[in-house]
Protein backbone atom coordinates (compact mmCIF):
# COMPACT_ATOMS: atom_id res chain seq x y z
CA UNK A 1 0.00 0.00 0.00
CA UNK A 2 1.32 3.43 -0.93
CA UNK A 3 1.44 5.78 2.04
CA UNK A 4 1.25 9.57 1.88
CA UNK A 5 4.70 9.73 3.51
CA UNK A 6 6.15 7.68 0.63
CA UNK A 7 4.71 10.07 -1.93
CA UNK A 8 6.09 13.07 0.00
CA UNK A 9 9.54 11.44 0.18
CA UNK A 10 9.62 10.80 -3.58
CA UNK A 11 8.33 14.32 -4.31
CA UNK A 12 11.08 15.81 -2.12
CA UNK A 13 13.77 13.77 -3.92
CA UNK A 14 12.48 14.93 -7.30
CA UNK A 15 12.21 18.56 -6.17
CA UNK A 16 15.84 18.51 -5.01
CA UNK A 17 16.91 17.33 -8.46
CA UNK A 18 14.96 19.76 -10.68
CA UNK A 19 17.17 20.75 -13.59
CA UNK A 20 19.43 17.71 -13.25
CA UNK A 21 20.11 15.31 -16.13
CA UNK A 22 18.37 11.98 -15.59
CA UNK A 23 18.08 8.53 -17.09
CA UNK A 24 14.47 7.33 -17.30
CA UNK A 25 13.63 3.64 -17.67
CA UNK A 26 9.98 2.88 -18.40
CA UNK A 27 8.46 -0.58 -18.43
CA UNK A 28 6.22 -0.96 -21.47
CA UNK A 29 4.94 -4.49 -21.12
CA UNK A 30 6.38 -7.96 -21.37
CA UNK A 31 10.16 -7.66 -21.14
CA UNK A 32 10.10 -4.33 -22.97
CA UNK A 33 11.92 -1.43 -21.33
CA UNK A 34 12.45 1.97 -22.92
CA UNK A 35 15.42 4.04 -21.73
CA UNK A 36 15.57 7.77 -22.42
CA UNK A 37 17.59 10.69 -21.09
CA UNK A 38 16.22 14.04 -20.07
CA UNK A 39 15.74 16.52 -17.25
CA UNK A 40 13.27 16.97 -14.39
CA UNK A 41 11.41 20.16 -15.23
CA UNK A 42 8.86 20.68 -12.42
CA UNK A 43 6.98 19.00 -9.58
CA UNK A 44 3.33 19.51 -8.73
CA UNK A 45 1.06 18.11 -5.98
CA UNK A 46 0.17 14.91 -7.85
CA UNK A 47 2.48 14.76 -10.91
CA UNK A 48 5.96 15.71 -12.09
CA UNK A 49 7.14 16.84 -15.53
CA UNK A 50 10.16 15.48 -17.40
CA UNK A 51 11.61 16.90 -20.61
CA UNK A 52 13.10 14.09 -22.70
CA UNK A 53 16.01 14.63 -25.06
CA UNK A 54 15.63 14.14 -28.78
CA UNK A 55 16.16 10.53 -29.92
CA UNK A 56 17.40 11.57 -33.34
CA UNK A 57 20.49 13.61 -34.03
CA UNK A 58 18.79 15.05 -37.12
CA UNK A 59 15.71 16.44 -35.38
CA UNK A 60 16.10 18.88 -32.52
CA UNK A 61 12.80 18.14 -30.79
CA UNK A 62 12.28 17.64 -27.10
CA UNK A 63 9.30 15.86 -25.65
CA UNK A 64 7.62 16.77 -22.38
CA UNK A 65 5.92 13.97 -20.46
CA UNK A 66 4.25 13.78 -17.07
CA UNK A 67 4.22 10.99 -14.52
CA UNK A 68 2.54 10.47 -11.18
CA UNK A 69 4.55 9.77 -8.04
CA UNK A 70 2.80 6.40 -7.88
CA UNK A 71 4.55 5.44 -11.15
CA UNK A 72 7.86 5.56 -9.27
CA UNK A 73 6.53 3.80 -6.19
CA UNK A 74 4.99 0.95 -8.23
CA UNK A 75 8.22 0.68 -10.25
CA UNK A 76 6.54 1.38 -13.59
CA UNK A 77 9.37 3.83 -14.16
CA UNK A 78 12.83 4.24 -12.66
CA UNK A 79 14.75 7.51 -12.53
CA UNK A 80 18.50 7.74 -12.03
CA UNK A 81 20.25 11.10 -11.63
CA UNK A 82 23.20 10.97 -14.06
CA UNK A 83 25.70 13.07 -12.07
CA UNK A 84 25.29 11.42 -8.67
CA UNK A 85 24.03 7.97 -9.77
CA UNK A 86 21.19 8.42 -7.24
CA UNK A 87 18.18 6.21 -7.94
CA UNK A 88 14.91 7.92 -7.08
CA UNK A 89 12.31 5.48 -5.80
PDB file of N, CA and C in Angstrom:
ATOM      1  N   UNK A   1       0.838  -1.181   0.000  1.00  0.00           N
ATOM      2  CA  UNK A   1       0.000   0.000   0.000  1.00  0.00           C
ATOM      3  C   UNK A   1       0.886   1.249   0.000  1.00  0.00           C
ATOM      4  N   UNK A   2       0.551   2.189  -0.828  1.00  0.00           N
ATOM      5  CA  UNK A   2       1.322   3.426  -0.926  1.00  0.00           C
ATOM      6  C   UNK A   2       0.833   4.393   0.150  1.00  0.00           C
ATOM      7  N   UNK A   3       1.755   4.838   0.966  1.00  0.00           N
ATOM      8  CA  UNK A   3       1.443   5.776   2.044  1.00  0.00           C
ATOM      9  C   UNK A   3       1.693   7.209   1.572  1.00  0.00           C
ATOM     10  N   UNK A   4       1.048   8.155   2.198  1.00  0.00           N
ATOM     11  CA  UNK A   4       1.248   9.569   1.876  1.00  0.00           C
ATOM     12  C   UNK A   4       2.698   9.987   2.153  1.00  0.00           C
ATOM     13  N   UNK A   5       3.303   9.414   3.179  1.00  0.00           N
ATOM     14  CA  UNK A   5       4.699   9.727   3.506  1.00  0.00           C
ATOM     15  C   UNK A   5       5.646   9.275   2.392  1.00  0.00           C
ATOM     16  N   UNK A   6       5.331   8.154   1.746  1.00  0.00           N
ATOM     17  CA  UNK A   6       6.154   7.679   0.632  1.00  0.00           C
ATOM     18  C   UNK A   6       6.082   8.646  -0.544  1.00  0.00           C
ATOM     19  N   UNK A   7       4.883   9.117  -0.835  1.00  0.00           N
ATOM     20  CA  UNK A   7       4.706  10.070  -1.932  1.00  0.00           C
ATOM     21  C   UNK A   7       5.452  11.368  -1.631  1.00  0.00           C
ATOM     22  N   UNK A   8       5.378  11.837  -0.392  1.00  0.00           N
ATOM     23  CA  UNK A   8       6.087  13.067  -0.001  1.00  0.00           C
ATOM     24  C   UNK A   8       7.603  12.889  -0.113  1.00  0.00           C
ATOM     25  N   UNK A   9       8.094  11.713   0.258  1.00  0.00           N
ATOM     26  CA  UNK A   9       9.537  11.436   0.181  1.00  0.00           C
ATOM     27  C   UNK A   9      10.010  11.472  -1.270  1.00  0.00           C
ATOM     28  N   UNK A  10       9.258  10.823  -2.163  1.00  0.00           N
ATOM     29  CA  UNK A  10       9.621  10.803  -3.584  1.00  0.00           C
ATOM     30  C   UNK A  10       9.529  12.206  -4.172  1.00  0.00           C
ATOM     31  N   UNK A  11       8.492  12.948  -3.810  1.00  0.00           N
ATOM     32  CA  UNK A  11       8.335  14.318  -4.313  1.00  0.00           C
ATOM     33  C   UNK A  11       9.504  15.187  -3.874  1.00  0.00           C
ATOM     34  N   UNK A  12       9.949  15.029  -2.637  1.00  0.00           N
ATOM     35  CA  UNK A  12      11.085  15.805  -2.122  1.00  0.00           C
ATOM     36  C   UNK A  12      12.367  15.460  -2.883  1.00  0.00           C
ATOM     37  N   UNK A  13      12.585  14.172  -3.152  1.00  0.00           N
ATOM     38  CA  UNK A  13      13.773  13.768  -3.919  1.00  0.00           C
ATOM     39  C   UNK A  13      13.752  14.366  -5.320  1.00  0.00           C
ATOM     40  N   UNK A  14      12.593  14.354  -5.956  1.00  0.00           N
ATOM     41  CA  UNK A  14      12.482  14.926  -7.297  1.00  0.00           C
ATOM     42  C   UNK A  14      12.668  16.438  -7.273  1.00  0.00           C
ATOM     43  N   UNK A  15      12.091  17.105  -6.281  1.00  0.00           N
ATOM     44  CA  UNK A  15      12.210  18.558  -6.172  1.00  0.00           C
ATOM     45  C   UNK A  15      13.672  18.971  -5.984  1.00  0.00           C
ATOM     46  N   UNK A  16      14.428  18.206  -5.228  1.00  0.00           N
ATOM     47  CA  UNK A  16      15.839  18.512  -5.010  1.00  0.00           C
ATOM     48  C   UNK A  16      16.659  18.372  -6.289  1.00  0.00           C
ATOM     49  N   UNK A  17      16.159  17.593  -7.240  1.00  0.00           N
ATOM     50  CA  UNK A  17      16.914  17.327  -8.460  1.00  0.00           C
ATOM     51  C   UNK A  17      16.320  17.991  -9.700  1.00  0.00           C
ATOM     52  N   UNK A  18      15.495  19.023  -9.527  1.00  0.00           N
ATOM     53  CA  UNK A  18      14.962  19.765 -10.678  1.00  0.00           C
ATOM     54  C   UNK A  18      16.130  20.390 -11.441  1.00  0.00           C
ATOM     55  N   UNK A  19      16.113  20.209 -12.746  1.00  0.00           N
ATOM     56  CA  UNK A  19      17.168  20.752 -13.591  1.00  0.00           C
ATOM     57  C   UNK A  19      18.344  19.809 -13.794  1.00  0.00           C
ATOM     58  N   UNK A  20      18.346  18.681 -13.119  1.00  0.00           N
ATOM     59  CA  UNK A  20      19.435  17.705 -13.247  1.00  0.00           C
ATOM     60  C   UNK A  20      19.163  16.767 -14.418  1.00  0.00           C
ATOM     61  N   UNK A  21      20.234  16.305 -15.063  1.00  0.00           N
ATOM     62  CA  UNK A  21      20.108  15.312 -16.125  1.00  0.00           C
ATOM     63  C   UNK A  21      19.752  13.972 -15.503  1.00  0.00           C
ATOM     64  N   UNK A  22      18.812  13.261 -16.126  1.00  0.00           N
ATOM     65  CA  UNK A  22      18.366  11.983 -15.590  1.00  0.00           C
ATOM     66  C   UNK A  22      18.349  10.914 -16.673  1.00  0.00           C
ATOM     67  N   UNK A  23      18.295   9.686 -16.219  1.00  0.00           N
ATOM     68  CA  UNK A  23      18.080   8.526 -17.090  1.00  0.00           C
ATOM     69  C   UNK A  23      16.749   7.925 -16.660  1.00  0.00           C
ATOM     70  N   UNK A  24      15.811   7.823 -17.585  1.00  0.00           N
ATOM     71  CA  UNK A  24      14.469   7.332 -17.296  1.00  0.00           C
ATOM     72  C   UNK A  24      14.276   5.976 -17.958  1.00  0.00           C
ATOM     73  N   UNK A  25      13.945   4.970 -17.162  1.00  0.00           N
ATOM     74  CA  UNK A  25      13.627   3.639 -17.675  1.00  0.00           C
ATOM     75  C   UNK A  25      12.152   3.390 -17.442  1.00  0.00           C
ATOM     76  N   UNK A  26      11.419   3.111 -18.509  1.00  0.00           N
ATOM     77  CA  UNK A  26       9.980   2.883 -18.402  1.00  0.00           C
ATOM     78  C   UNK A  26       9.652   1.480 -18.878  1.00  0.00           C
ATOM     79  N   UNK A  27       8.902   0.759 -18.063  1.00  0.00           N
ATOM     80  CA  UNK A  27       8.462  -0.584 -18.435  1.00  0.00           C
ATOM     81  C   UNK A  27       7.229  -0.455 -19.320  1.00  0.00           C
ATOM     82  N   UNK A  28       7.297  -1.076 -20.491  1.00  0.00           N
ATOM     83  CA  UNK A  28       6.223  -0.958 -21.469  1.00  0.00           C
ATOM     84  C   UNK A  28       5.574  -2.302 -21.790  1.00  0.00           C
ATOM     85  N   UNK A  29       5.587  -3.208 -20.871  1.00  0.00           N
ATOM     86  CA  UNK A  29       4.940  -4.491 -21.119  1.00  0.00           C
ATOM     87  C   UNK A  29       5.915  -5.638 -20.941  1.00  0.00           C
ATOM     88  N   UNK A  30       5.596  -6.754 -21.549  1.00  0.00           N
ATOM     89  CA  UNK A  30       6.382  -7.964 -21.372  1.00  0.00           C
ATOM     90  C   UNK A  30       7.819  -7.788 -21.834  1.00  0.00           C
ATOM     91  N   UNK A  31       8.717  -7.721 -20.886  1.00  0.00           N
ATOM     92  CA  UNK A  31      10.160  -7.660 -21.140  1.00  0.00           C
ATOM     93  C   UNK A  31      10.573  -6.514 -22.053  1.00  0.00           C
ATOM     94  N   UNK A  32       9.782  -5.474 -22.114  1.00  0.00           N
ATOM     95  CA  UNK A  32      10.095  -4.331 -22.968  1.00  0.00           C
ATOM     96  C   UNK A  32      10.331  -3.111 -22.090  1.00  0.00           C
ATOM     97  N   UNK A  33      11.545  -2.592 -22.127  1.00  0.00           N
ATOM     98  CA  UNK A  33      11.918  -1.430 -21.329  1.00  0.00           C
ATOM     99  C   UNK A  33      12.470  -0.368 -22.267  1.00  0.00           C
ATOM    100  N   UNK A  34      11.973   0.844 -22.122  1.00  0.00           N
ATOM    101  CA  UNK A  34      12.452   1.971 -22.921  1.00  0.00           C
ATOM    102  C   UNK A  34      13.312   2.847 -22.023  1.00  0.00           C
ATOM    103  N   UNK A  35      14.506   3.188 -22.493  1.00  0.00           N
ATOM    104  CA  UNK A  35      15.421   4.036 -21.728  1.00  0.00           C
ATOM    105  C   UNK A  35      15.621   5.332 -22.501  1.00  0.00           C
ATOM    106  N   UNK A  36      15.385   6.447 -21.825  1.00  0.00           N
ATOM    107  CA  UNK A  36      15.573   7.774 -22.425  1.00  0.00           C
ATOM    108  C   UNK A  36      16.307   8.663 -21.432  1.00  0.00           C
ATOM    109  N   UNK A  37      16.919   9.711 -21.933  1.00  0.00           N
ATOM    110  CA  UNK A  37      17.592  10.691 -21.090  1.00  0.00           C
ATOM    111  C   UNK A  37      16.836  12.006 -21.159  1.00  0.00           C
ATOM    112  N   UNK A  38      16.913  12.775 -20.104  1.00  0.00           N
ATOM    113  CA  UNK A  38      16.215  14.044 -20.071  1.00  0.00           C
ATOM    114  C   UNK A  38      16.524  14.826 -18.821  1.00  0.00           C
ATOM    115  N   UNK A  39      15.547  15.634 -18.390  1.00  0.00           N
ATOM    116  CA  UNK A  39      15.736  16.520 -17.248  1.00  0.00           C
ATOM    117  C   UNK A  39      14.410  16.677 -16.517  1.00  0.00           C
ATOM    118  N   UNK A  40      14.467  16.708 -15.182  1.00  0.00           N
ATOM    119  CA  UNK A  40      13.272  16.966 -14.394  1.00  0.00           C
ATOM    120  C   UNK A  40      12.968  18.450 -14.519  1.00  0.00           C
ATOM    121  N   UNK A  41      11.759  18.768 -14.972  1.00  0.00           N
ATOM    122  CA  UNK A  41      11.408  20.158 -15.231  1.00  0.00           C
ATOM    123  C   UNK A  41      10.663  20.794 -14.059  1.00  0.00           C
ATOM    124  N   UNK A  42       9.667  20.087 -13.494  1.00  0.00           N
ATOM    125  CA  UNK A  42       8.858  20.678 -12.420  1.00  0.00           C
ATOM    126  C   UNK A  42       8.155  19.570 -11.641  1.00  0.00           C
ATOM    127  N   UNK A  43       7.796  19.907 -10.394  1.00  0.00           N
ATOM    128  CA  UNK A  43       6.981  19.004  -9.582  1.00  0.00           C
ATOM    129  C   UNK A  43       5.711  19.732  -9.168  1.00  0.00           C
ATOM    130  N   UNK A  44       4.638  18.990  -9.112  1.00  0.00           N
ATOM    131  CA  UNK A  44       3.332  19.511  -8.729  1.00  0.00           C
ATOM    132  C   UNK A  44       2.744  18.593  -7.656  1.00  0.00           C
ATOM    133  N   UNK A  45       1.603  18.940  -7.072  1.00  0.00           N
ATOM    134  CA  UNK A  45       1.059  18.113  -5.979  1.00  0.00           C
ATOM    135  C   UNK A  45       0.846  16.632  -6.330  1.00  0.00           C
ATOM    136  N   UNK A  46       0.436  16.327  -7.550  1.00  0.00           N
ATOM    137  CA  UNK A  46       0.174  14.915  -7.850  1.00  0.00           C
ATOM    138  C   UNK A  46       0.970  14.360  -9.033  1.00  0.00           C
ATOM    139  N   UNK A  47       1.688  15.211  -9.774  1.00  0.00           N
ATOM    140  CA  UNK A  47       2.484  14.762 -10.915  1.00  0.00           C
ATOM    141  C   UNK A  47       3.819  15.488 -10.943  1.00  0.00           C
ATOM    142  N   UNK A  48       4.726  14.994 -11.797  1.00  0.00           N
ATOM    143  CA  UNK A  48       5.960  15.713 -12.086  1.00  0.00           C
ATOM    144  C   UNK A  48       6.199  15.662 -13.585  1.00  0.00           C
ATOM    145  N   UNK A  49       6.917  16.657 -14.093  1.00  0.00           N
ATOM    146  CA  UNK A  49       7.136  16.838 -15.526  1.00  0.00           C
ATOM    147  C   UNK A  49       8.603  16.556 -15.845  1.00  0.00           C
ATOM    148  N   UNK A  50       8.813  15.793 -16.926  1.00  0.00           N
ATOM    149  CA  UNK A  50      10.156  15.478 -17.399  1.00  0.00           C
ATOM    150  C   UNK A  50      10.251  15.886 -18.859  1.00  0.00           C
ATOM    151  N   UNK A  51      11.337  16.565 -19.222  1.00  0.00           N
ATOM    152  CA  UNK A  51      11.607  16.903 -20.608  1.00  0.00           C
ATOM    153  C   UNK A  51      12.628  15.903 -21.128  1.00  0.00           C
ATOM    154  N   UNK A  52      12.234  15.119 -22.137  1.00  0.00           N
ATOM    155  CA  UNK A  52      13.100  14.091 -22.697  1.00  0.00           C
ATOM    156  C   UNK A  52      13.907  14.652 -23.856  1.00  0.00           C
ATOM    157  N   UNK A  53      15.157  14.215 -23.962  1.00  0.00           N
ATOM    158  CA  UNK A  53      16.015  14.634 -25.060  1.00  0.00           C
ATOM    159  C   UNK A  53      15.534  14.025 -26.367  1.00  0.00           C
ATOM    160  N   UNK A  54      15.962  14.623 -27.456  1.00  0.00           N
ATOM    161  CA  UNK A  54      15.634  14.138 -28.783  1.00  0.00           C
ATOM    162  C   UNK A  54      16.283  12.771 -28.995  1.00  0.00           C
ATOM    163  N   UNK A  55      15.578  11.852 -29.655  1.00  0.00           N
ATOM    164  CA  UNK A  55      16.156  10.534 -29.917  1.00  0.00           C
ATOM    165  C   UNK A  55      16.887  10.492 -31.256  1.00  0.00           C
ATOM    166  N   UNK A  56      16.738  11.515 -32.049  1.00  0.00           N
ATOM    167  CA  UNK A  56      17.402  11.573 -33.344  1.00  0.00           C
ATOM    168  C   UNK A  56      18.369  12.742 -33.370  1.00  0.00           C
ATOM    169  N   UNK A  57      19.526  12.523 -33.931  1.00  0.00           N
ATOM    170  CA  UNK A  57      20.493  13.612 -34.031  1.00  0.00           C
ATOM    171  C   UNK A  57      20.129  14.589 -35.139  1.00  0.00           C
ATOM    172  N   UNK A  58      19.180  14.208 -36.001  1.00  0.00           N
ATOM    173  CA  UNK A  58      18.789  15.053 -37.118  1.00  0.00           C
ATOM    174  C   UNK A  58      17.636  15.989 -36.771  1.00  0.00           C
ATOM    175  N   UNK A  59      16.847  15.613 -35.780  1.00  0.00           N
ATOM    176  CA  UNK A  59      15.712  16.443 -35.382  1.00  0.00           C
ATOM    177  C   UNK A  59      15.976  16.985 -33.984  1.00  0.00           C
ATOM    178  N   UNK A  60      15.837  18.259 -33.808  1.00  0.00           N
ATOM    179  CA  UNK A  60      16.099  18.884 -32.518  1.00  0.00           C
ATOM    180  C   UNK A  60      14.765  19.119 -31.794  1.00  0.00           C
ATOM    181  N   UNK A  61      14.092  18.034 -31.469  1.00  0.00           N
ATOM    182  CA  UNK A  61      12.803  18.142 -30.793  1.00  0.00           C
ATOM    183  C   UNK A  61      12.891  17.499 -29.416  1.00  0.00           C
ATOM    184  N   UNK A  62      12.367  18.191 -28.448  1.00  0.00           N
ATOM    185  CA  UNK A  62      12.277  17.644 -27.101  1.00  0.00           C
ATOM    186  C   UNK A  62      10.833  17.254 -26.860  1.00  0.00           C
ATOM    187  N   UNK A  63      10.646  16.309 -25.978  1.00  0.00           N
ATOM    188  CA  UNK A  63       9.299  15.858 -25.652  1.00  0.00           C
ATOM    189  C   UNK A  63       9.090  16.021 -24.160  1.00  0.00           C
ATOM    190  N   UNK A  64       7.957  16.580 -23.788  1.00  0.00           N
ATOM    191  CA  UNK A  64       7.623  16.771 -22.383  1.00  0.00           C
ATOM    192  C   UNK A  64       6.568  15.740 -22.005  1.00  0.00           C
ATOM    193  N   UNK A  65       6.850  14.993 -20.941  1.00  0.00           N
ATOM    194  CA  UNK A  65       5.919  13.971 -20.465  1.00  0.00           C
ATOM    195  C   UNK A  65       5.688  14.169 -18.971  1.00  0.00           C
ATOM    196  N   UNK A  66       4.560  13.681 -18.500  1.00  0.00           N
ATOM    197  CA  UNK A  66       4.251  13.780 -17.072  1.00  0.00           C
ATOM    198  C   UNK A  66       4.034  12.385 -16.499  1.00  0.00           C
ATOM    199  N   UNK A  67       4.381  12.240 -15.239  1.00  0.00           N
ATOM    200  CA  UNK A  67       4.215  10.992 -14.516  1.00  0.00           C
ATOM    201  C   UNK A  67       3.649  11.292 -13.146  1.00  0.00           C
ATOM    202  N   UNK A  68       3.001  10.314 -12.556  1.00  0.00           N
ATOM    203  CA  UNK A  68       2.542  10.467 -11.178  1.00  0.00           C
ATOM    204  C   UNK A  68       3.627   9.894 -10.257  1.00  0.00           C
ATOM    205  N   UNK A  69       3.588  10.285  -9.016  1.00  0.00           N
ATOM    206  CA  UNK A  69       4.545   9.769  -8.041  1.00  0.00           C
ATOM    207  C   UNK A  69       4.331   8.277  -7.822  1.00  0.00           C
ATOM    208  N   UNK A  70       3.107   7.827  -8.013  1.00  0.00           N
ATOM    209  CA  UNK A  70       2.804   6.396  -7.876  1.00  0.00           C
ATOM    210  C   UNK A  70       3.516   5.569  -8.945  1.00  0.00           C
ATOM    211  N   UNK A  71       3.804   6.166 -10.111  1.00  0.00           N
ATOM    212  CA  UNK A  71       4.551   5.444 -11.146  1.00  0.00           C
ATOM    213  C   UNK A  71       5.930   5.031 -10.632  1.00  0.00           C
ATOM    214  N   UNK A  72       6.564   5.891  -9.869  1.00  0.00           N
ATOM    215  CA  UNK A  72       7.858   5.557  -9.271  1.00  0.00           C
ATOM    216  C   UNK A  72       7.709   4.515  -8.166  1.00  0.00           C
ATOM    217  N   UNK A  73       6.706   4.691  -7.328  1.00  0.00           N
ATOM    218  CA  UNK A  73       6.527   3.795  -6.187  1.00  0.00           C
ATOM    219  C   UNK A  73       6.105   2.386  -6.617  1.00  0.00           C
ATOM    220  N   UNK A  74       5.395   2.271  -7.726  1.00  0.00           N
ATOM    221  CA  UNK A  74       4.990   0.955  -8.230  1.00  0.00           C
ATOM    222  C   UNK A  74       6.023   0.380  -9.195  1.00  0.00           C
ATOM    223  N   UNK A  75       7.107   1.084  -9.402  1.00  0.00           N
ATOM    224  CA  UNK A  75       8.222   0.680 -10.249  1.00  0.00           C
ATOM    225  C   UNK A  75       7.834   0.532 -11.715  1.00  0.00           C
ATOM    226  N   UNK A  76       6.860   1.306 -12.160  1.00  0.00           N
ATOM    227  CA  UNK A  76       6.536   1.379 -13.587  1.00  0.00           C
ATOM    228  C   UNK A  76       7.631   2.140 -14.321  1.00  0.00           C
ATOM    229  N   UNK A  77       8.224   3.096 -13.619  1.00  0.00           N
ATOM    230  CA  UNK A  77       9.371   3.832 -14.161  1.00  0.00           C
ATOM    231  C   UNK A  77      10.462   3.854 -13.104  1.00  0.00           C
ATOM    232  N   UNK A  78      11.691   4.091 -13.564  1.00  0.00           N
ATOM    233  CA  UNK A  78      12.826   4.242 -12.656  1.00  0.00           C
ATOM    234  C   UNK A  78      13.630   5.448 -13.128  1.00  0.00           C
ATOM    235  N   UNK A  79      13.983   6.308 -12.199  1.00  0.00           N
ATOM    236  CA  UNK A  79      14.746   7.506 -12.533  1.00  0.00           C
ATOM    237  C   UNK A  79      16.084   7.451 -11.811  1.00  0.00           C
ATOM    238  N   UNK A  80      17.158   7.670 -12.577  1.00  0.00           N
ATOM    239  CA  UNK A  80      18.500   7.735 -12.027  1.00  0.00           C
ATOM    240  C   UNK A  80      19.097   9.090 -12.385  1.00  0.00           C
ATOM    241  N   UNK A  81      19.588   9.823 -11.390  1.00  0.00           N
ATOM    242  CA  UNK A  81      20.251  11.096 -11.631  1.00  0.00           C
ATOM    243  C   UNK A  81      21.639  10.777 -12.190  1.00  0.00           C
ATOM    244  N   UNK A  82      21.969  11.322 -13.342  1.00  0.00           N
ATOM    245  CA  UNK A  82      23.204  10.967 -14.058  1.00  0.00           C
ATOM    246  C   UNK A  82      24.450  11.363 -13.265  1.00  0.00           C
ATOM    247  N   UNK A  83      24.488  12.579 -12.737  1.00  0.00           N
ATOM    248  CA  UNK A  83      25.703  13.066 -12.070  1.00  0.00           C
ATOM    249  C   UNK A  83      26.045  12.298 -10.796  1.00  0.00           C
ATOM    250  N   UNK A  84      25.045  12.032  -9.984  1.00  0.00           N
ATOM    251  CA  UNK A  84      25.295  11.425  -8.673  1.00  0.00           C
ATOM    252  C   UNK A  84      24.991   9.934  -8.630  1.00  0.00           C
ATOM    253  N   UNK A  85      24.439   9.375  -9.696  1.00  0.00           N
ATOM    254  CA  UNK A  85      24.028   7.967  -9.769  1.00  0.00           C
ATOM    255  C   UNK A  85      22.976   7.616  -8.728  1.00  0.00           C
ATOM    256  N   UNK A  86      22.247   8.621  -8.227  1.00  0.00           N
ATOM    257  CA  UNK A  86      21.186   8.415  -7.240  1.00  0.00           C
ATOM    258  C   UNK A  86      19.947   7.878  -7.930  1.00  0.00           C
ATOM    259  N   UNK A  87      19.416   6.780  -7.417  1.00  0.00           N
ATOM    260  CA  UNK A  87      18.183   6.206  -7.937  1.00  0.00           C
ATOM    261  C   UNK A  87      17.033   6.752  -7.111  1.00  0.00           C
ATOM    262  N   UNK A  88      16.060   7.354  -7.777  1.00  0.00           N
ATOM    263  CA  UNK A  88      14.910   7.920  -7.078  1.00  0.00           C
ATOM    264  C   UNK A  88      13.800   6.881  -7.099  1.00  0.00           C
ATOM    265  N   UNK A  89      13.388   6.484  -5.894  1.00  0.00           N
ATOM    266  CA  UNK A  89      12.312   5.476  -5.804  1.00  0.00           C
ATOM    267  C   UNK A  89      11.600   5.583  -4.474  1.00  0.00           C
TER     268      UNK A  89
END
